[in-house]
Amino acid sequence: MIDPIFDEEYEFLEAVGRGQLWGAAICVVLSILSCGLWIGMLFWPHVSH
């Protein structure tokens, strides 16, 4: 039989881990978008002419 407190703690840890995964995914997406914007701003004047 599993201790209910341990079970709750495990669920909490699992939720924290999922939150960190989501945070990492959002950071990656934001960094890719900002890099794309920065590169676009650098190269857009060359492309538009």
PDB file of N, CA and C in Angstrom:
ATOM      1  N   MET A   1       0.838  -1.204   0.000  1.00  0.00           N
ATOM      2  CA  MET A   1       0.000   0.000   0.000  1.00  0.00           C
ATOM      3  C   MET A   1       0.878   1.261   0.000  1.00  0.00           C
ATOM      4  N   ILE A   2       0.560   2.197  -0.901  1.00  0.00           N
ATOM      5  CA  ILE A   2       1.354   3.415  -1.031  1.00  0.00           C
ATOM      6  C   ILE A   2       0.839   4.463  -0.053  1.00  0.00           C
ATOM      7  N   ASP A   3       1.778   5.151   0.588  1.00  0.00           N
ATOM      8  CA  ASP A   3       1.419   6.230   1.504  1.00  0.00           C
ATOM      9  C   ASP A   3       0.780   7.378   0.713  1.00  0.00           C
ATOM     10  N   PRO A   4      -0.419   7.842   1.129  1.00  0.00           N
ATOM     11  CA  PRO A   4      -1.111   8.902   0.392  1.00  0.00           C
ATOM     12  C   PRO A   4      -0.290  10.187   0.262  1.00  0.00           C
ATOM     13  N   ILE A   5       0.486  10.510   1.317  1.00  0.00           N
ATOM     14  CA  ILE A   5       1.323  11.713   1.280  1.00  0.00           C
ATOM     15  C   ILE A   5       2.381  11.563   0.185  1.00  0.00           C
ATOM     16  N   PHE A   6       2.990  10.383   0.108  1.00  0.00           N
ATOM     17  CA  PHE A   6       3.996  10.122  -0.920  1.00  0.00           C
ATOM     18  C   PHE A   6       3.369  10.222  -2.308  1.00  0.00           C
ATOM     19  N   ASP A   7       2.142   9.713  -2.430  1.00  0.00           N
ATOM     20  CA  ASP A   7       1.443   9.727  -3.718  1.00  0.00           C
ATOM     21  C   ASP A   7       1.193  11.178  -4.160  1.00  0.00           C
ATOM     22  N   GLU A   8       0.743  12.013  -3.228  1.00  0.00           N
ATOM     23  CA  GLU A   8       0.507  13.426  -3.539  1.00  0.00           C
ATOM     24  C   GLU A   8       1.810  14.113  -3.929  1.00  0.00           C
ATOM     25  N   GLU A   9       2.876  13.788  -3.197  1.00  0.00           N
ATOM     26  CA  GLU A   9       4.180  14.379  -3.473  1.00  0.00           C
ATOM     27  C   GLU A   9       4.647  13.986  -4.877  1.00  0.00           C
ATOM     28  N   TYR A  10       4.429  12.723  -5.239  1.00  0.00           N
ATOM     29  CA  TYR A  10       4.817  12.241  -6.566  1.00  0.00           C
ATOM     30  C   TYR A  10       4.050  12.988  -7.647  1.00  0.00           C
ATOM     31  N   GLU A  11       2.752  13.175  -7.436  1.00  0.00           N
ATOM     32  CA  GLU A  11       1.946  13.920  -8.414  1.00  0.00           C
ATOM     33  C   GLU A  11       2.439  15.353  -8.541  1.00  0.00           C
ATOM     34  N   PHE A  12       2.791  15.968  -7.411  1.00  0.00           N
ATOM     35  CA  PHE A  12       3.320  17.327  -7.419  1.00  0.00           C
ATOM     36  C   PHE A  12       4.624  17.388  -8.215  1.00  0.00           C
ATOM     37  N   LEU A  13       5.524  16.431  -7.961  1.00  0.00           N
ATOM     38  CA  LEU A  13       6.799  16.393  -8.681  1.00  0.00           C
ATOM     39  C   LEU A  13       6.570  16.205 -10.176  1.00  0.00           C
ATOM     40  N   GLU A  14       5.598  15.349 -10.510  1.00  0.00           N
ATOM     41  CA  GLU A  14       5.281  15.109 -11.916  1.00  0.00           C
ATOM     42  C   GLU A  14       4.776  16.399 -12.572  1.00  0.00           C
ATOM     43  N   ALA A  15       3.919  17.136 -11.865  1.00  0.00           N
ATOM     44  CA  ALA A  15       3.388  18.397 -12.378  1.00  0.00           C
ATOM     45  C   ALA A  15       4.512  19.418 -12.565  1.00  0.00           C
ATOM     46  N   VAL A  16       5.443  19.463 -11.605  1.00  0.00           N
ATOM     47  CA  VAL A  16       6.581  20.385 -11.701  1.00  0.00           C
ATOM     48  C   VAL A  16       7.430  20.031 -12.921  1.00  0.00           C
ATOM     49  N   GLY A  17       7.680  18.738 -13.103  1.00  0.00           N
ATOM     50  CA  GLY A  17       8.457  18.292 -14.256  1.00  0.00           C
ATOM     51  C   GLY A  17       7.780  18.677 -15.563  1.00  0.00           C
ATOM     52  N   ARG A  18       6.465  18.501 -15.626  1.00  0.00           N
ATOM     53  CA  ARG A  18       5.716  18.870 -16.828  1.00  0.00           C
ATOM     54  C   ARG A  18       5.807  20.382 -17.056  1.00  0.00           C
ATOM     55  N   GLY A  19       5.701  21.153 -15.967  1.00  0.00           N
ATOM     56  CA  GLY A  19       5.816  22.612 -16.061  1.00  0.00           C
ATOM     57  C   GLY A  19       7.176  23.029 -16.599  1.00  0.00           C
ATOM     58  N   GLN A  20       8.246  22.352 -16.143  1.00  0.00           N
ATOM     59  CA  GLN A  20       9.592  22.666 -16.628  1.00  0.00           C
ATOM     60  C   GLN A  20       9.715  22.328 -18.110  1.00  0.00           C
ATOM     61  N   LEU A  21       9.106  21.209 -18.536  1.00  0.00           N
ATOM     62  CA  LEU A  21       9.127  20.849 -19.954  1.00  0.00           C
ATOM     63  C   LEU A  21       8.436  21.917 -20.789  1.00  0.00           C
ATOM     64  N   TRP A  22       7.257  22.343 -20.341  1.00  0.00           N
ATOM     65  CA  TRP A  22       6.520  23.396 -21.057  1.00  0.00           C
ATOM     66  C   TRP A  22       7.325  24.680 -21.078  1.00  0.00           C
ATOM     67  N   GLY A  23       7.931  25.036 -19.945  1.00  0.00           N
ATOM     68  CA  GLY A  23       8.756  26.246 -19.881  1.00  0.00           C
ATOM     69  C   GLY A  23       9.915  26.186 -20.862  1.00  0.00           C
ATOM     70  N   ALA A  24      10.579  25.019 -20.919  1.00  0.00           N
ATOM     71  CA  ALA A  24      11.701  24.850 -21.845  1.00  0.00           C
ATOM     72  C   ALA A  24      11.229  24.961 -23.289  1.00  0.00           C
ATOM     73  N   ALA A  25      10.090  24.320 -23.607  1.00  0.00           N
ATOM     74  CA  ALA A  25       9.561  24.370 -24.976  1.00  0.00           C
ATOM     75  C   ALA A  25       9.213  25.804 -25.368  1.00  0.00           C
ATOM     76  N   ILE A  26       8.594  26.548 -24.456  1.00  0.00           N
ATOM     77  CA  ILE A  26       8.229  27.943 -24.734  1.00  0.00           C
ATOM     78  C   ILE A  26       9.491  28.792 -24.921  1.00  0.00           C
ATOM     79  N   CYS A  27      10.504  28.566 -24.090  1.00  0.00           N
ATOM     80  CA  CYS A  27      11.761  29.306 -24.235  1.00  0.00           C
ATOM     81  C   CYS A  27      12.393  29.045 -25.597  1.00  0.00           C
ATOM     82  N   VAL A  28      12.409  27.777 -26.023  1.00  0.00           N
ATOM     83  CA  VAL A  28      12.986  27.425 -27.322  1.00  0.00           C
ATOM     84  C   VAL A  28      12.233  28.117 -28.446  1.00  0.00           C
ATOM     85  N   VAL A  29      10.897  28.053 -28.401  1.00  0.00           N
ATOM     86  CA  VAL A  29      10.072  28.679 -29.448  1.00  0.00           C
ATOM     87  C   VAL A  29      10.313  30.187 -29.475  1.00  0.00           C
ATOM     88  N   LEU A  30      10.338  30.822 -28.305  1.00  0.00           N
ATOM     89  CA  LEU A  30      10.551  32.271 -28.246  1.00  0.00           C
ATOM     90  C   LEU A  30      11.933  32.635 -28.775  1.00  0.00           C
ATOM     91  N   SER A  31      12.953  31.873 -28.434  1.00  0.00           N
ATOM     92  CA  SER A  31      14.303  32.185 -28.905  1.00  0.00           C
ATOM     93  C   SER A  31      14.402  32.017 -30.423  1.00  0.00           C
ATOM     94  N   ILE A  32      13.745  30.976 -30.970  1.00  0.00           N
ATOM     95  CA  ILE A  32      13.729  30.778 -32.424  1.00  0.00           C
ATOM     96  C   ILE A  32      13.013  31.950 -33.098  1.00  0.00           C
ATOM     97  N   LEU A  33      11.877  32.367 -32.531  1.00  0.00           N
ATOM     98  CA  LEU A  33      11.126  33.490 -33.105  1.00  0.00           C
ATOM     99  C   LEU A  33      11.944  34.774 -33.051  1.00  0.00           C
ATOM    100  N   SER A  34      12.582  35.060 -31.924  1.00  0.00           N
ATOM    101  CA  SER A  34      13.362  36.294 -31.808  1.00  0.00           C
ATOM    102  C   SER A  34      14.577  36.257 -32.727  1.00  0.00           C
ATOM    103  N   CYS A  35      15.221  35.081 -32.860  1.00  0.00           N
ATOM    104  CA  CYS A  35      16.324  34.930 -33.813  1.00  0.00           C
ATOM    105  C   CYS A  35      15.833  35.180 -35.232  1.00  0.00           C
ATOM    106  N   GLY A  36      14.683  34.618 -35.575  1.00  0.00           N
ATOM    107  CA  GLY A  36      14.104  34.808 -36.910  1.00  0.00           C
ATOM    108  C   GLY A  36      13.800  36.278 -37.174  1.00  0.00           C
ATOM    109  N   LEU A  37      13.250  36.969 -36.170  1.00  0.00           N
ATOM    110  CA  LEU A  37      12.971  38.400 -36.309  1.00  0.00           C
ATOM    111  C   LEU A  37      14.255  39.184 -36.519  1.00  0.00           C
ATOM    112  N   TRP A  38      15.268  38.864 -35.723  1.00  0.00           N
ATOM    113  CA  TRP A  38      16.550  39.568 -35.787  1.00  0.00           C
ATOM    114  C   TRP A  38      17.211  39.359 -37.153  1.00  0.00           C
ATOM    115  N   ILE A  39      17.239  38.106 -37.623  1.00  0.00           N
ATOM    116  CA  ILE A  39      17.802  37.790 -38.944  1.00  0.00           C
ATOM    117  C   ILE A  39      16.974  38.475 -40.033  1.00  0.00           C
ATOM    118  N   GLY A  40      15.648  38.431 -39.880  1.00  0.00           N
ATOM    119  CA  GLY A  40      14.771  39.093 -40.838  1.00  0.00           C
ATOM    120  C   GLY A  40      15.033  40.591 -40.923  1.00  0.00           C
ATOM    121  N   MET A  41      15.238  41.229 -39.761  1.00  0.00           N
ATOM    122  CA  MET A  41      15.524  42.663 -39.738  1.00  0.00           C
ATOM    123  C   MET A  41      16.874  42.954 -40.382  1.00  0.00           C
ATOM    124  N   LEU A  42      17.828  42.053 -40.215  1.00  0.00           N
ATOM    125  CA  LEU A  42      19.145  42.245 -40.835  1.00  0.00           C
ATOM    126  C   LEU A  42      19.072  42.103 -42.354  1.00  0.00           C
ATOM    127  N   PHE A  43      18.335  41.082 -42.822  1.00  0.00           N
ATOM    128  CA  PHE A  43      18.360  40.763 -44.256  1.00  0.00           C
ATOM    129  C   PHE A  43      17.242  41.419 -45.049  1.00  0.00           C
ATOM    130  N   TRP A  44      16.179  41.892 -44.363  1.00  0.00           N
ATOM    131  CA  TRP A  44      15.032  42.460 -45.084  1.00  0.00           C
ATOM    132  C   TRP A  44      15.411  43.653 -45.969  1.00  0.00           C
ATOM    133  N   PRO A  45      16.257  44.601 -45.500  1.00  0.00           N
ATOM    134  CA  PRO A  45      16.636  45.722 -46.370  1.00  0.00           C
ATOM    135  C   PRO A  45      17.308  45.254 -47.660  1.00  0.00           C
ATOM    136  N   HIS A  46      18.098  44.186 -47.597  1.00  0.00           N
ATOM    137  CA  HIS A  46      18.763  43.663 -48.791  1.00  0.00           C
ATOM    138  C   HIS A  46      17.746  43.025 -49.734  1.00  0.00           C
ATOM    139  N   VAL A  47      16.743  42.357 -49.147  1.00  0.00           N
ATOM    140  CA  VAL A  47      15.741  41.648 -49.963  1.00  0.00           C
ATOM    141  C   VAL A  47      14.770  42.641 -50.601  1.00  0.00           C
ATOM    142  N   SER A  48      14.386  43.674 -49.862  1.00  0.00           N
ATOM    143  CA  SER A  48      13.332  44.584 -50.324  1.00  0.00           C
ATOM    144  C   SER A  48      13.803  45.457 -51.487  1.00  0.00           C
ATOM    145  N   HIS A  49      15.109  45.703 -51.604  1.00  0.00           N
ATOM    146  CA  HIS A  49      15.612  46.544 -52.701  1.00  0.00           C
ATOM    147  C   HIS A  49      15.788  45.749 -53.980  1.00  0.00           C
TER     148      HIS A  49
END
